[in-house]
Amino acid sequence: QLLTDSATRWDSTFNMMDRILELYPAIDSFLSKPNNRKELSEYLLSDVEQSVLLDVYQIFEVPHATQQLLSAEKTPTLSLALPAYELLIDHWRNLKGVLPELA
């Protein structure tokens, strides 16, 4: 099932992108069928849109993992906060070189 974005949970955007990337081959196959093509073709992602989605997914991937790490309910995580944020910043610096158009 596809997910929708929620304004109150920032990681819902990441989860939505993760799900669409996982299910897109099936979605593409369904939307490309001749009997669906006319009325549903506007929902197909172009190659550029798919590329941008993958780029944005890369940007959200580490913050999502960081948020998951730091939001453990039964494990103390304060000692992980600074190292996690340093890794997050390093990752974004590296992405700036890989994805300069999104910097």
N, C-alpha and C. Protein backbone atom coordinates (compact mmCIF):
# COMPACT_ATOMS: atom_id res chain seq x y z
N GLN A 1 0.84 -1.18 0.00
CA GLN A 1 0.00 0.00 0.00
C GLN A 1 0.89 1.24 0.00
N LEU A 2 0.51 2.21 -0.80
CA LEU A 2 1.24 3.47 -0.84
C LEU A 2 0.95 4.27 0.42
N LEU A 3 1.92 5.07 0.84
CA LEU A 3 1.78 5.89 2.03
C LEU A 3 1.62 7.35 1.62
N THR A 4 1.05 8.14 2.51
CA THR A 4 0.93 9.57 2.26
C THR A 4 1.77 10.34 3.27
N ASP A 5 2.05 11.56 2.94
CA ASP A 5 2.85 12.43 3.78
C ASP A 5 1.98 12.95 4.93
N SER A 6 2.61 13.15 6.08
CA SER A 6 1.90 13.69 7.24
C SER A 6 2.65 14.92 7.74
N ALA A 7 1.96 16.02 7.90
CA ALA A 7 2.61 17.27 8.31
C ALA A 7 3.18 17.19 9.72
N THR A 8 2.69 16.28 10.53
CA THR A 8 3.15 16.21 11.92
C THR A 8 4.31 15.24 12.13
N ARG A 9 4.68 14.50 11.11
CA ARG A 9 5.79 13.55 11.23
C ARG A 9 6.71 13.73 10.04
N TRP A 10 7.90 14.31 10.27
CA TRP A 10 8.77 14.61 9.14
C TRP A 10 9.24 13.35 8.45
N ASP A 11 9.42 12.23 9.19
CA ASP A 11 9.91 11.03 8.54
C ASP A 11 8.85 10.36 7.67
N SER A 12 7.62 10.84 7.71
CA SER A 12 6.60 10.29 6.83
C SER A 12 6.95 10.58 5.37
N THR A 13 7.65 11.67 5.12
CA THR A 13 8.09 11.99 3.75
C THR A 13 9.08 10.93 3.28
N PHE A 14 10.03 10.59 4.14
CA PHE A 14 11.00 9.55 3.80
C PHE A 14 10.28 8.22 3.58
N ASN A 15 9.37 7.86 4.49
CA ASN A 15 8.65 6.59 4.37
C ASN A 15 7.82 6.54 3.09
N MET A 16 7.23 7.67 2.70
CA MET A 16 6.46 7.75 1.47
C MET A 16 7.37 7.52 0.26
N MET A 17 8.55 8.17 0.26
CA MET A 17 9.49 7.99 -0.85
C MET A 17 10.00 6.56 -0.90
N ASP A 18 10.31 6.00 0.27
CA ASP A 18 10.80 4.63 0.35
C ASP A 18 9.78 3.66 -0.26
N ARG A 19 8.53 3.86 0.08
CA ARG A 19 7.48 2.97 -0.42
C ARG A 19 7.26 3.13 -1.92
N ILE A 20 7.27 4.36 -2.41
CA ILE A 20 7.05 4.55 -3.85
C ILE A 20 8.20 3.95 -4.66
N LEU A 21 9.43 4.08 -4.14
CA LEU A 21 10.57 3.49 -4.84
C LEU A 21 10.49 1.96 -4.83
N GLU A 22 10.01 1.41 -3.74
CA GLU A 22 9.87 -0.04 -3.64
C GLU A 22 8.78 -0.57 -4.57
N LEU A 23 7.68 0.15 -4.66
CA LEU A 23 6.52 -0.32 -5.42
C LEU A 23 6.47 0.22 -6.86
N TYR A 24 7.38 1.12 -7.23
CA TYR A 24 7.24 1.78 -8.53
C TYR A 24 7.24 0.82 -9.72
N PRO A 25 8.05 -0.24 -9.72
CA PRO A 25 7.95 -1.15 -10.88
C PRO A 25 6.52 -1.68 -11.09
N ALA A 26 5.83 -2.03 -10.02
CA ALA A 26 4.45 -2.52 -10.14
C ALA A 26 3.51 -1.39 -10.54
N ILE A 27 3.72 -0.21 -9.97
CA ILE A 27 2.89 0.95 -10.32
C ILE A 27 3.06 1.30 -11.79
N ASP A 28 4.31 1.31 -12.24
CA ASP A 28 4.61 1.62 -13.64
C ASP A 28 3.95 0.60 -14.56
N SER A 29 4.04 -0.66 -14.20
CA SER A 29 3.43 -1.72 -15.00
C SER A 29 1.91 -1.53 -15.09
N PHE A 30 1.29 -1.23 -13.96
CA PHE A 30 -0.16 -1.02 -13.93
C PHE A 30 -0.57 0.20 -14.74
N LEU A 31 0.13 1.32 -14.53
CA LEU A 31 -0.24 2.56 -15.22
C LEU A 31 0.05 2.51 -16.71
N SER A 32 0.96 1.62 -17.11
CA SER A 32 1.34 1.54 -18.52
C SER A 32 0.45 0.60 -19.33
N LYS A 33 -0.43 -0.12 -18.68
CA LYS A 33 -1.33 -1.01 -19.42
C LYS A 33 -2.19 -0.19 -20.37
N PRO A 34 -2.44 -0.72 -21.57
CA PRO A 34 -3.19 0.04 -22.57
C PRO A 34 -4.53 0.59 -22.08
N ASN A 35 -5.26 -0.18 -21.28
CA ASN A 35 -6.58 0.30 -20.84
C ASN A 35 -6.47 1.35 -19.73
N ASN A 36 -5.31 1.52 -19.13
CA ASN A 36 -5.10 2.54 -18.10
C ASN A 36 -4.33 3.75 -18.62
N ARG A 37 -3.65 3.55 -19.73
CA ARG A 37 -2.71 4.56 -20.21
C ARG A 37 -3.33 5.94 -20.39
N LYS A 38 -4.51 6.00 -20.98
CA LYS A 38 -5.09 7.29 -21.32
C LYS A 38 -5.42 8.13 -20.08
N GLU A 39 -6.14 7.56 -19.15
CA GLU A 39 -6.60 8.36 -18.01
C GLU A 39 -5.62 8.40 -16.84
N LEU A 40 -4.67 7.47 -16.78
CA LEU A 40 -3.76 7.42 -15.64
C LEU A 40 -2.31 7.76 -15.98
N SER A 41 -2.03 7.98 -17.24
CA SER A 41 -0.64 8.21 -17.65
C SER A 41 -0.01 9.44 -17.00
N GLU A 42 -0.83 10.39 -16.59
CA GLU A 42 -0.29 11.60 -15.94
C GLU A 42 0.37 11.27 -14.60
N TYR A 43 0.09 10.10 -14.04
CA TYR A 43 0.66 9.73 -12.75
C TYR A 43 1.99 8.99 -12.87
N LEU A 44 2.39 8.66 -14.10
CA LEU A 44 3.70 8.05 -14.30
C LEU A 44 4.79 9.07 -14.04
N LEU A 45 5.88 8.64 -13.41
CA LEU A 45 7.01 9.54 -13.18
C LEU A 45 7.89 9.54 -14.41
N SER A 46 8.31 10.71 -14.83
CA SER A 46 9.26 10.80 -15.94
C SER A 46 10.63 10.34 -15.44
N ASP A 47 11.57 10.15 -16.35
CA ASP A 47 12.93 9.76 -15.95
C ASP A 47 13.55 10.82 -15.05
N VAL A 48 13.30 12.08 -15.37
CA VAL A 48 13.85 13.18 -14.55
C VAL A 48 13.23 13.15 -13.15
N GLU A 49 11.92 12.94 -13.08
CA GLU A 49 11.25 12.88 -11.77
C GLU A 49 11.76 11.71 -10.94
N GLN A 50 11.99 10.57 -11.58
CA GLN A 50 12.54 9.42 -10.86
C GLN A 50 13.94 9.72 -10.35
N SER A 51 14.74 10.38 -11.16
CA SER A 51 16.10 10.73 -10.76
C SER A 51 16.10 11.69 -9.58
N VAL A 52 15.23 12.69 -9.63
CA VAL A 52 15.13 13.66 -8.53
C VAL A 52 14.64 12.95 -7.26
N LEU A 53 13.68 12.07 -7.40
CA LEU A 53 13.18 11.32 -6.25
C LEU A 53 14.31 10.52 -5.59
N LEU A 54 15.14 9.87 -6.39
CA LEU A 54 16.28 9.12 -5.84
C LEU A 54 17.28 10.04 -5.15
N ASP A 55 17.51 11.21 -5.73
CA ASP A 55 18.43 12.18 -5.11
C ASP A 55 17.90 12.66 -3.76
N VAL A 56 16.63 13.01 -3.72
CA VAL A 56 16.03 13.50 -2.47
C VAL A 56 15.99 12.37 -1.44
N TYR A 57 15.74 11.16 -1.90
CA TYR A 57 15.75 10.00 -1.01
C TYR A 57 17.11 9.87 -0.32
N GLN A 58 18.19 10.05 -1.09
CA GLN A 58 19.54 9.99 -0.52
C GLN A 58 19.73 11.07 0.55
N ILE A 59 19.16 12.22 0.34
CA ILE A 59 19.30 13.31 1.31
C ILE A 59 18.56 12.96 2.61
N PHE A 60 17.40 12.35 2.51
CA PHE A 60 16.59 12.02 3.69
C PHE A 60 17.02 10.74 4.39
N GLU A 61 17.79 9.89 3.70
CA GLU A 61 18.12 8.57 4.23
C GLU A 61 18.84 8.61 5.58
N VAL A 62 19.90 9.40 5.69
CA VAL A 62 20.67 9.45 6.93
C VAL A 62 19.91 10.18 8.05
N PRO A 63 19.24 11.30 7.79
CA PRO A 63 18.44 11.89 8.87
C PRO A 63 17.39 10.92 9.41
N HIS A 64 16.80 10.14 8.52
CA HIS A 64 15.82 9.15 8.97
C HIS A 64 16.48 8.13 9.89
N ALA A 65 17.63 7.60 9.47
CA ALA A 65 18.34 6.62 10.31
C ALA A 65 18.76 7.24 11.63
N THR A 66 19.19 8.50 11.60
CA THR A 66 19.58 9.21 12.83
C THR A 66 18.38 9.36 13.76
N GLN A 67 17.26 9.76 13.21
CA GLN A 67 16.05 9.92 14.01
C GLN A 67 15.63 8.59 14.62
N GLN A 68 15.72 7.52 13.86
CA GLN A 68 15.36 6.20 14.37
C GLN A 68 16.29 5.79 15.51
N LEU A 69 17.57 6.05 15.35
CA LEU A 69 18.56 5.72 16.37
C LEU A 69 18.30 6.48 17.67
N LEU A 70 18.02 7.77 17.54
CA LEU A 70 17.89 8.62 18.72
C LEU A 70 16.50 8.58 19.36
N SER A 71 15.57 7.89 18.76
CA SER A 71 14.22 7.87 19.33
C SER A 71 13.88 6.53 19.97
N ALA A 72 14.89 5.79 20.38
CA ALA A 72 14.65 4.53 21.08
C ALA A 72 13.94 4.81 22.40
N GLU A 73 12.97 3.99 22.73
CA GLU A 73 12.18 4.23 23.94
C GLU A 73 12.81 3.66 25.20
N LYS A 74 13.50 2.54 25.08
CA LYS A 74 14.00 1.86 26.28
C LYS A 74 15.51 1.89 26.40
N THR A 75 16.19 2.54 25.48
CA THR A 75 17.65 2.59 25.50
C THR A 75 18.09 4.03 25.60
N PRO A 76 19.02 4.34 26.51
CA PRO A 76 19.54 5.71 26.57
C PRO A 76 20.27 6.06 25.27
N THR A 77 19.96 7.21 24.72
CA THR A 77 20.56 7.59 23.43
C THR A 77 21.30 8.92 23.47
N LEU A 78 21.29 9.60 24.60
CA LEU A 78 21.93 10.91 24.66
C LEU A 78 23.40 10.85 24.27
N SER A 79 24.09 9.79 24.67
CA SER A 79 25.51 9.67 24.35
C SER A 79 25.74 9.49 22.86
N LEU A 80 24.72 9.13 22.12
CA LEU A 80 24.84 8.94 20.67
C LEU A 80 24.53 10.21 19.89
N ALA A 81 23.97 11.20 20.55
CA ALA A 81 23.47 12.38 19.85
C ALA A 81 24.57 13.12 19.09
N LEU A 82 25.64 13.51 19.75
CA LEU A 82 26.70 14.26 19.06
C LEU A 82 27.35 13.45 17.95
N PRO A 83 27.77 12.19 18.20
CA PRO A 83 28.34 11.42 17.08
C PRO A 83 27.36 11.25 15.92
N ALA A 84 26.10 11.05 16.23
CA ALA A 84 25.10 10.88 15.17
C ALA A 84 24.96 12.14 14.34
N TYR A 85 24.92 13.29 14.98
CA TYR A 85 24.78 14.54 14.24
C TYR A 85 26.05 14.88 13.47
N GLU A 86 27.21 14.51 14.00
CA GLU A 86 28.45 14.71 13.25
C GLU A 86 28.45 13.85 11.99
N LEU A 87 28.01 12.60 12.11
CA LEU A 87 27.90 11.74 10.93
C LEU A 87 26.89 12.29 9.93
N LEU A 88 25.81 12.82 10.43
CA LEU A 88 24.79 13.43 9.58
C LEU A 88 25.37 14.60 8.78
N ILE A 89 26.09 15.47 9.46
CA ILE A 89 26.71 16.63 8.80
C ILE A 89 27.75 16.17 7.78
N ASP A 90 28.57 15.19 8.15
CA ASP A 90 29.57 14.65 7.21
C ASP A 90 28.90 14.06 5.98
N HIS A 91 27.83 13.33 6.20
CA HIS A 91 27.10 12.72 5.08
C HIS A 91 26.57 13.79 4.14
N TRP A 92 25.98 14.85 4.70
CA TRP A 92 25.46 15.92 3.85
C TRP A 92 26.58 16.66 3.13
N ARG A 93 27.72 16.81 3.76
CA ARG A 93 28.86 17.44 3.06
C ARG A 93 29.28 16.58 1.88
N ASN A 94 29.34 15.27 2.08
CA ASN A 94 29.69 14.37 0.99
C ASN A 94 28.65 14.41 -0.13
N LEU A 95 27.39 14.46 0.25
CA LEU A 95 26.33 14.54 -0.76
C LEU A 95 26.40 15.83 -1.56
N LYS A 96 26.89 16.88 -0.93
CA LYS A 96 27.03 18.16 -1.63
C LYS A 96 27.95 18.01 -2.83
N GLY A 97 28.98 17.16 -2.70
CA GLY A 97 29.88 16.89 -3.82
C GLY A 97 29.26 15.97 -4.85
N VAL A 98 28.45 15.03 -4.40
CA VAL A 98 27.83 14.05 -5.29
C VAL A 98 26.60 14.63 -6.00
N LEU A 99 25.86 15.46 -5.28
CA LEU A 99 24.62 16.04 -5.82
C LEU A 99 24.68 17.57 -5.76
N PRO A 100 25.62 18.19 -6.49
CA PRO A 100 25.78 19.65 -6.37
C PRO A 100 24.54 20.43 -6.79
N GLU A 101 23.72 19.86 -7.65
CA GLU A 101 22.52 20.58 -8.10
C GLU A 101 21.48 20.71 -6.99
N LEU A 102 21.62 19.91 -5.94
CA LEU A 102 20.68 19.99 -4.82
C LEU A 102 21.27 20.71 -3.62
N ALA A 103 22.51 21.16 -3.74
CA ALA A 103 23.18 21.82 -2.60
C ALA A 103 22.60 23.20 -2.35
